[in-house]
PDB file of N, CA and C in Angstrom:
ATOM      1  N   MET A   1       7.063 -35.713 -10.271  1.00  0.00           N
ATOM      2  CA  MET A   1       6.129 -34.592 -10.167  1.00  0.00           C
ATOM      3  C   MET A   1       6.727 -33.354 -10.692  1.00  0.00           C
ATOM      4  N   SER A   2       8.065 -32.991 -10.002  1.00  0.00           N
ATOM      5  CA  SER A   2       8.603 -31.647 -10.469  1.00  0.00           C
ATOM      6  C   SER A   2       8.947 -31.656 -11.964  1.00  0.00           C
ATOM      7  N   GLY A   3       9.232 -32.687 -12.666  1.00  0.00           N
ATOM      8  CA  GLY A   3       9.411 -32.776 -14.037  1.00  0.00           C
ATOM      9  C   GLY A   3       8.165 -32.373 -14.845  1.00  0.00           C
ATOM     10  N   ILE A   4       7.108 -32.935 -14.383  1.00  0.00           N
ATOM     11  CA  ILE A   4       5.908 -32.537 -15.163  1.00  0.00           C
ATOM     12  C   ILE A   4       5.636 -31.006 -14.936  1.00  0.00           C
ATOM     13  N   LEU A   5       5.761 -30.442 -13.727  1.00  0.00           N
ATOM     14  CA  LEU A   5       5.591 -29.065 -13.502  1.00  0.00           C
ATOM     15  C   LEU A   5       6.465 -28.194 -14.420  1.00  0.00           C
ATOM     16  N   ARG A   6       7.783 -28.427 -14.503  1.00  0.00           N
ATOM     17  CA  ARG A   6       8.705 -27.796 -15.195  1.00  0.00           C
ATOM     18  C   ARG A   6       8.407 -27.944 -16.729  1.00  0.00           C
ATOM     19  N   THR A   7       7.965 -28.905 -17.216  1.00  0.00           N
ATOM     20  CA  THR A   7       7.551 -29.130 -18.579  1.00  0.00           C
ATOM     21  C   THR A   7       6.374 -28.323 -18.970  1.00  0.00           C
ATOM     22  N   GLY A   8       5.430 -28.304 -18.144  1.00  0.00           N
ATOM     23  CA  GLY A   8       4.121 -27.584 -18.363  1.00  0.00           C
ATOM     24  C   GLY A   8       4.433 -26.162 -18.231  1.00  0.00           C
ATOM     25  N   PHE A   9       5.392 -25.594 -17.440  1.00  0.00           N
ATOM     26  CA  PHE A   9       5.698 -24.268 -17.570  1.00  0.00           C
ATOM     27  C   PHE A   9       6.515 -23.877 -18.599  1.00  0.00           C
ATOM     28  N   ARG A  10       7.317 -24.719 -19.232  1.00  0.00           N
ATOM     29  CA  ARG A  10       8.036 -24.328 -20.301  1.00  0.00           C
ATOM     30  C   ARG A  10       7.142 -24.250 -21.673  1.00  0.00           C
ATOM     31  N   ARG A  11       6.015 -25.140 -21.710  1.00  0.00           N
ATOM     32  CA  ARG A  11       5.118 -25.041 -22.818  1.00  0.00           C
ATOM     33  C   ARG A  11       4.257 -23.811 -22.698  1.00  0.00           C
ATOM     34  N   ALA A  12       3.889 -23.482 -21.501  1.00  0.00           N
ATOM     35  CA  ALA A  12       3.067 -22.435 -21.295  1.00  0.00           C
ATOM     36  C   ALA A  12       3.635 -21.031 -21.342  1.00  0.00           C
ATOM     37  N   ALA A  13       4.853 -20.942 -21.076  1.00  0.00           N
ATOM     38  CA  ALA A  13       5.741 -19.518 -21.124  1.00  0.00           C
ATOM     39  C   ALA A  13       5.540 -18.784 -22.454  1.00  0.00           C
ATOM     40  N   PRO A  14       5.834 -19.426 -23.461  1.00  0.00           N
ATOM     41  CA  PRO A  14       5.620 -18.746 -24.771  1.00  0.00           C
ATOM     42  C   PRO A  14       4.312 -18.258 -25.106  1.00  0.00           C
ATOM     43  N   ALA A  15       3.261 -19.006 -24.733  1.00  0.00           N
ATOM     44  CA  ALA A  15       1.843 -18.399 -24.966  1.00  0.00           C
ATOM     45  C   ALA A  15       1.717 -17.259 -23.891  1.00  0.00           C
ATOM     46  N   LEU A  16       2.152 -17.284 -22.789  1.00  0.00           N
ATOM     47  CA  LEU A  16       1.968 -16.174 -22.033  1.00  0.00           C
ATOM     48  C   LEU A  16       2.596 -14.798 -22.505  1.00  0.00           C
ATOM     49  N   ARG A  17       3.796 -14.998 -23.060  1.00  0.00           N
ATOM     50  CA  ARG A  17       4.501 -13.936 -23.596  1.00  0.00           C
ATOM     51  C   ARG A  17       4.303 -13.530 -24.921  1.00  0.00           C
ATOM     52  N   GLY A  18       3.246 -14.167 -25.644  1.00  0.00           N
ATOM     53  CA  GLY A  18       3.139 -13.927 -26.965  1.00  0.00           C
ATOM     54  C   GLY A  18       2.538 -12.588 -27.441  1.00  0.00           C
ATOM     55  N   HIS A  19       1.421 -12.214 -26.733  1.00  0.00           N
ATOM     56  CA  HIS A  19       0.880 -10.795 -26.909  1.00  0.00           C
ATOM     57  C   HIS A  19       0.912  -9.939 -25.652  1.00  0.00           C
ATOM     58  N   THR A  20       1.498  -8.796 -25.683  1.00  0.00           N
ATOM     59  CA  THR A  20       1.454  -7.961 -24.691  1.00  0.00           C
ATOM     60  C   THR A  20       0.629  -6.786 -24.958  1.00  0.00           C
ATOM     61  N   ILE A  21      -0.026  -6.407 -23.845  1.00  0.00           N
ATOM     62  CA  ILE A  21      -0.990  -5.083 -24.070  1.00  0.00           C
ATOM     63  C   ILE A  21      -0.321  -3.963 -23.389  1.00  0.00           C
ATOM     64  N   THR A  22      -0.328  -2.871 -24.217  1.00  0.00           N
ATOM     65  CA  THR A  22       0.175  -1.765 -23.725  1.00  0.00           C
ATOM     66  C   THR A  22      -1.079  -0.837 -23.064  1.00  0.00           C
ATOM     67  N   GLN A  23      -0.888  -0.400 -21.950  1.00  0.00           N
ATOM     68  CA  GLN A  23      -1.815   0.252 -21.101  1.00  0.00           C
ATOM     69  C   GLN A  23      -1.391   1.635 -21.163  1.00  0.00           C
ATOM     70  N   THR A  24      -2.466   2.614 -21.414  1.00  0.00           N
ATOM     71  CA  THR A  24      -2.013   3.903 -21.420  1.00  0.00           C
ATOM     72  C   THR A  24      -3.124   4.653 -20.612  1.00  0.00           C
ATOM     73  N   ALA A  25      -2.918   5.622 -19.851  1.00  0.00           N
ATOM     74  CA  ALA A  25      -3.769   6.291 -18.901  1.00  0.00           C
ATOM     75  C   ALA A  25      -4.036   7.658 -19.525  1.00  0.00           C
ATOM     76  N   ASN A  26      -5.319   8.088 -19.710  1.00  0.00           N
ATOM     77  CA  ASN A  26      -5.647   9.461 -20.214  1.00  0.00           C
ATOM     78  C   ASN A  26      -6.107  10.110 -18.774  1.00  0.00           C
ATOM     79  N   ILE A  27      -5.338  10.988 -18.330  1.00  0.00           N
ATOM     80  CA  ILE A  27      -5.560  11.550 -17.116  1.00  0.00           C
ATOM     81  C   ILE A  27      -5.935  13.083 -17.467  1.00  0.00           C
ATOM     82  N   ARG A  28      -7.020  13.491 -17.083  1.00  0.00           N
ATOM     83  CA  ARG A  28      -7.458  14.925 -17.236  1.00  0.00           C
ATOM     84  C   ARG A  28      -8.122  15.378 -15.930  1.00  0.00           C
ATOM     85  N   SER A  29      -7.380  16.427 -15.359  1.00  0.00           N
ATOM     86  CA  SER A  29      -7.893  17.133 -14.186  1.00  0.00           C
ATOM     87  C   SER A  29      -8.138  18.546 -14.272  1.00  0.00           C
ATOM     88  N   LYS A  30      -8.964  18.881 -13.479  1.00  0.00           N
ATOM     89  CA  LYS A  30      -9.278  20.318 -13.343  1.00  0.00           C
ATOM     90  C   LYS A  30      -8.862  20.882 -12.116  1.00  0.00           C
ATOM     91  N   PRO A  31      -8.694  22.284 -11.945  1.00  0.00           N
ATOM     92  CA  PRO A  31      -8.353  22.774 -10.656  1.00  0.00           C
ATOM     93  C   PRO A  31      -9.341  22.507  -9.581  1.00  0.00           C
ATOM     94  N   ALA A  32      -8.762  22.424  -8.359  1.00  0.00           N
ATOM     95  CA  ALA A  32      -9.714  22.211  -7.255  1.00  0.00           C
ATOM     96  C   ALA A  32     -10.785  23.432  -7.102  1.00  0.00           C
ATOM     97  N   LYS A  33     -12.016  22.816  -6.789  1.00  0.00           N
ATOM     98  CA  LYS A  33     -13.199  23.802  -6.367  1.00  0.00           C
ATOM     99  C   LYS A  33     -13.012  24.754  -5.596  1.00  0.00           C
ATOM    100  N   ALA A  34     -12.348  24.207  -4.340  1.00  0.00           N
ATOM    101  CA  ALA A  34     -11.983  25.150  -3.284  1.00  0.00           C
ATOM    102  C   ALA A  34     -10.467  24.791  -2.836  1.00  0.00           C
ATOM    103  N   PRO A  35      -9.604  25.844  -2.854  1.00  0.00           N
ATOM    104  CA  PRO A  35      -8.411  25.421  -2.440  1.00  0.00           C
ATOM    105  C   PRO A  35      -8.233  25.102  -0.919  1.00  0.00           C
ATOM    106  N   ILE A  36      -7.249  24.343  -0.629  1.00  0.00           N
ATOM    107  CA  ILE A  36      -7.042  23.782   0.855  1.00  0.00           C
ATOM    108  C   ILE A  36      -6.159  25.025   1.488  1.00  0.00           C
ATOM    109  N   ASN A  37      -6.398  25.476   2.552  1.00  0.00           N
ATOM    110  CA  ASN A  37      -5.572  26.388   3.287  1.00  0.00           C
ATOM    111  C   ASN A  37      -4.676  25.642   4.122  1.00  0.00           C
ATOM    112  N   ALA A  38      -3.847  26.370   4.916  1.00  0.00           N
ATOM    113  CA  ALA A  38      -2.808  25.871   5.697  1.00  0.00           C
ATOM    114  C   ALA A  38      -3.352  25.184   7.024  1.00  0.00           C
ATOM    115  N   VAL A  39      -4.423  25.771   7.384  1.00  0.00           N
ATOM    116  CA  VAL A  39      -4.969  24.979   8.532  1.00  0.00           C
ATOM    117  C   VAL A  39      -5.585  23.579   8.296  1.00  0.00           C
ATOM    118  N   GLU A  40      -6.159  23.522   7.257  1.00  0.00           N
ATOM    119  CA  GLU A  40      -6.778  22.174   6.903  1.00  0.00           C
ATOM    120  C   GLU A  40      -5.487  21.323   6.530  1.00  0.00           C
ATOM    121  N   THR A  41      -4.657  21.659   5.941  1.00  0.00           N
ATOM    122  CA  THR A  41      -3.365  20.820   5.668  1.00  0.00           C
ATOM    123  C   THR A  41      -2.759  20.407   6.886  1.00  0.00           C
ATOM    124  N   THR A  42      -2.586  21.112   8.003  1.00  0.00           N
ATOM    125  CA  THR A  42      -2.062  21.004   9.174  1.00  0.00           C
ATOM    126  C   THR A  42      -2.897  19.913   9.842  1.00  0.00           C
ATOM    127  N   ILE A  43      -4.181  20.086   9.983  1.00  0.00           N
ATOM    128  CA  ILE A  43      -5.059  19.223  10.794  1.00  0.00           C
ATOM    129  C   ILE A  43      -5.060  17.805   9.961  1.00  0.00           C
ATOM    130  N   GLY A  44      -4.953  17.857   8.627  1.00  0.00           N
ATOM    131  CA  GLY A  44      -4.912  16.585   7.948  1.00  0.00           C
ATOM    132  C   GLY A  44      -3.800  15.738   8.141  1.00  0.00           C
ATOM    133  N   LEU A  45      -2.687  16.526   8.128  1.00  0.00           N
ATOM    134  CA  LEU A  45      -1.313  15.764   8.417  1.00  0.00           C
ATOM    135  C   LEU A  45      -1.160  15.239   9.815  1.00  0.00           C
ATOM    136  N   GLY A  46      -1.732  16.141  10.809  1.00  0.00           N
ATOM    137  CA  GLY A  46      -1.699  15.760  12.102  1.00  0.00           C
ATOM    138  C   GLY A  46      -2.549  14.492  12.382  1.00  0.00           C
ATOM    139  N   MET A  47      -3.730  14.523  11.905  1.00  0.00           N
ATOM    140  CA  MET A  47      -4.504  13.257  11.965  1.00  0.00           C
ATOM    141  C   MET A  47      -3.921  12.010  11.331  1.00  0.00           C
ATOM    142  N   LEU A  48      -3.373  12.163  10.310  1.00  0.00           N
ATOM    143  CA  LEU A  48      -2.707  11.006   9.465  1.00  0.00           C
ATOM    144  C   LEU A  48      -1.358  10.693  10.441  1.00  0.00           C
ATOM    145  N   SER A  49      -0.761  11.620  11.014  1.00  0.00           N
ATOM    146  CA  SER A  49       0.322  11.177  11.806  1.00  0.00           C
ATOM    147  C   SER A  49      -0.090  10.373  13.017  1.00  0.00           C
ATOM    148  N   LEU A  50      -1.115  10.970  13.579  1.00  0.00           N
ATOM    149  CA  LEU A  50      -1.716  10.301  14.852  1.00  0.00           C
ATOM    150  C   LEU A  50      -2.299   8.928  14.606  1.00  0.00           C
ATOM    151  N   ALA A  51      -3.022   8.692  13.265  1.00  0.00           N
ATOM    152  CA  ALA A  51      -3.580   7.583  13.003  1.00  0.00           C
ATOM    153  C   ALA A  51      -2.268   6.503  12.883  1.00  0.00           C
ATOM    154  N   ILE A  52      -1.230   6.770  12.432  1.00  0.00           N
ATOM    155  CA  ILE A  52      -0.136   5.894  12.067  1.00  0.00           C
ATOM    156  C   ILE A  52       0.752   5.696  13.319  1.00  0.00           C
ATOM    157  N   LEU A  53       1.114   6.707  13.953  1.00  0.00           N
ATOM    158  CA  LEU A  53       2.094   6.654  15.009  1.00  0.00           C
ATOM    159  C   LEU A  53       1.306   6.526  16.474  1.00  0.00           C
ATOM    160  N   GLY A  54       0.034   6.847  16.595  1.00  0.00           N
ATOM    161  CA  GLY A  54      -0.569   6.686  17.776  1.00  0.00           C
ATOM    162  C   GLY A  54      -0.721   5.164  18.422  1.00  0.00           C
ATOM    163  N   PRO A  55      -1.032   4.241  17.551  1.00  0.00           N
ATOM    164  CA  PRO A  55      -1.129   2.817  18.198  1.00  0.00           C
ATOM    165  C   PRO A  55       0.418   2.250  18.480  1.00  0.00           C
ATOM    166  N   SER A  56       1.327   2.501  17.725  1.00  0.00           N
ATOM    167  CA  SER A  56       2.735   2.065  18.101  1.00  0.00           C
ATOM    168  C   SER A  56       3.257   2.752  19.246  1.00  0.00           C
ATOM    169  N   GLY A  57       2.938   4.115  19.392  1.00  0.00           N
ATOM    170  CA  GLY A  57       3.227   4.754  20.662  1.00  0.00           C
ATOM    171  C   GLY A  57       2.700   4.217  21.873  1.00  0.00           C
ATOM    172  N   TRP A  58       1.346   4.001  21.769  1.00  0.00           N
ATOM    173  CA  TRP A  58       0.562   3.256  22.851  1.00  0.00           C
ATOM    174  C   TRP A  58       1.321   1.939  23.436  1.00  0.00           C
ATOM    175  N   ILE A  59       1.721   1.170  22.337  1.00  0.00           N
ATOM    176  CA  ILE A  59       2.260  -0.169  22.627  1.00  0.00           C
ATOM    177  C   ILE A  59       3.596   0.059  23.269  1.00  0.00           C
ATOM    178  N   LEU A  60       4.373   0.948  22.887  1.00  0.00           N
ATOM    179  CA  LEU A  60       5.800   1.195  23.340  1.00  0.00           C
ATOM    180  C   LEU A  60       5.585   1.847  24.684  1.00  0.00           C
ATOM    181  N   ALA A  61       4.521   2.751  24.965  1.00  0.00           N
ATOM    182  CA  ALA A  61       4.399   3.252  26.344  1.00  0.00           C
ATOM    183  C   ALA A  61       4.029   2.307  27.303  1.00  0.00           C
ATOM    184  N   HIS A  62       3.295   1.268  26.982  1.00  0.00           N
ATOM    185  CA  HIS A  62       2.700   0.198  27.810  1.00  0.00           C
ATOM    186  C   HIS A  62       3.447  -1.158  27.661  1.00  0.00           C
ATOM    187  N   LEU A  63       4.674  -1.038  27.241  1.00  0.00           N
ATOM    188  CA  LEU A  63       5.457  -2.381  27.058  1.00  0.00           C
ATOM    189  C   LEU A  63       5.601  -3.139  28.312  1.00  0.00           C
ATOM    190  N   GLU A  64       6.036  -2.435  29.247  1.00  0.00           N
ATOM    191  CA  GLU A  64       6.132  -3.210  30.510  1.00  0.00           C
ATOM    192  C   GLU A  64       4.982  -3.857  31.050  1.00  0.00           C
ATOM    193  N   ASP A  65       3.774  -3.390  30.922  1.00  0.00           N
ATOM    194  CA  ASP A  65       2.523  -3.935  31.204  1.00  0.00           C
ATOM    195  C   ASP A  65       2.354  -5.351  30.392  1.00  0.00           C
ATOM    196  N   TYR A  66       2.738  -5.235  29.219  1.00  0.00           N
ATOM    197  CA  TYR A  66       2.487  -6.509  28.344  1.00  0.00           C
ATOM    198  C   TYR A  66       3.633  -7.547  28.676  1.00  0.00           C
ATOM    199  N   LYS A  67       4.678  -7.170  29.223  1.00  0.00           N
ATOM    200  CA  LYS A  67       5.772  -8.162  29.572  1.00  0.00           C
ATOM    201  C   LYS A  67       5.229  -8.975  30.817  1.00  0.00           C
ATOM    202  N   LYS A  68       4.518  -8.409  31.621  1.00  0.00           N
ATOM    203  CA  LYS A  68       4.111  -8.822  32.963  1.00  0.00           C
ATOM    204  C   LYS A  68       3.141 -10.108  32.534  1.00  0.00           C
ATOM    205  N   LYS A  69       3.568 -11.144  33.197  1.00  0.00           N
ATOM    206  CA  LYS A  69       2.498 -12.483  33.330  1.00  0.00           C
ATOM    207  C   LYS A  69       1.702 -12.513  34.435  1.00  0.00           C
ATOM    208  N   ASP A  70       0.498 -12.407  34.400  1.00  0.00           N
ATOM    209  CA  ASP A  70      -0.338 -12.465  35.596  1.00  0.00           C
ATOM    210  C   ASP A  70      -0.755 -14.030  35.717  1.00  0.00           C
TER     211      ASP A  70
END
């Protein structure tokens, strides 16, 4: 069975490598309509940090409760 798979992959490999497609990205951007101030940046980073670190902090704070077998 493994011999069949190896032979099949050898035959398919040149066909897969035959033509390569080059992708190019055309990125065009404009300046922001309304600039973001320091307060909005701080709130956004704070919420992102809370969303990432909050659940893991909750688990670590209640680790002893999770260890108990009732």
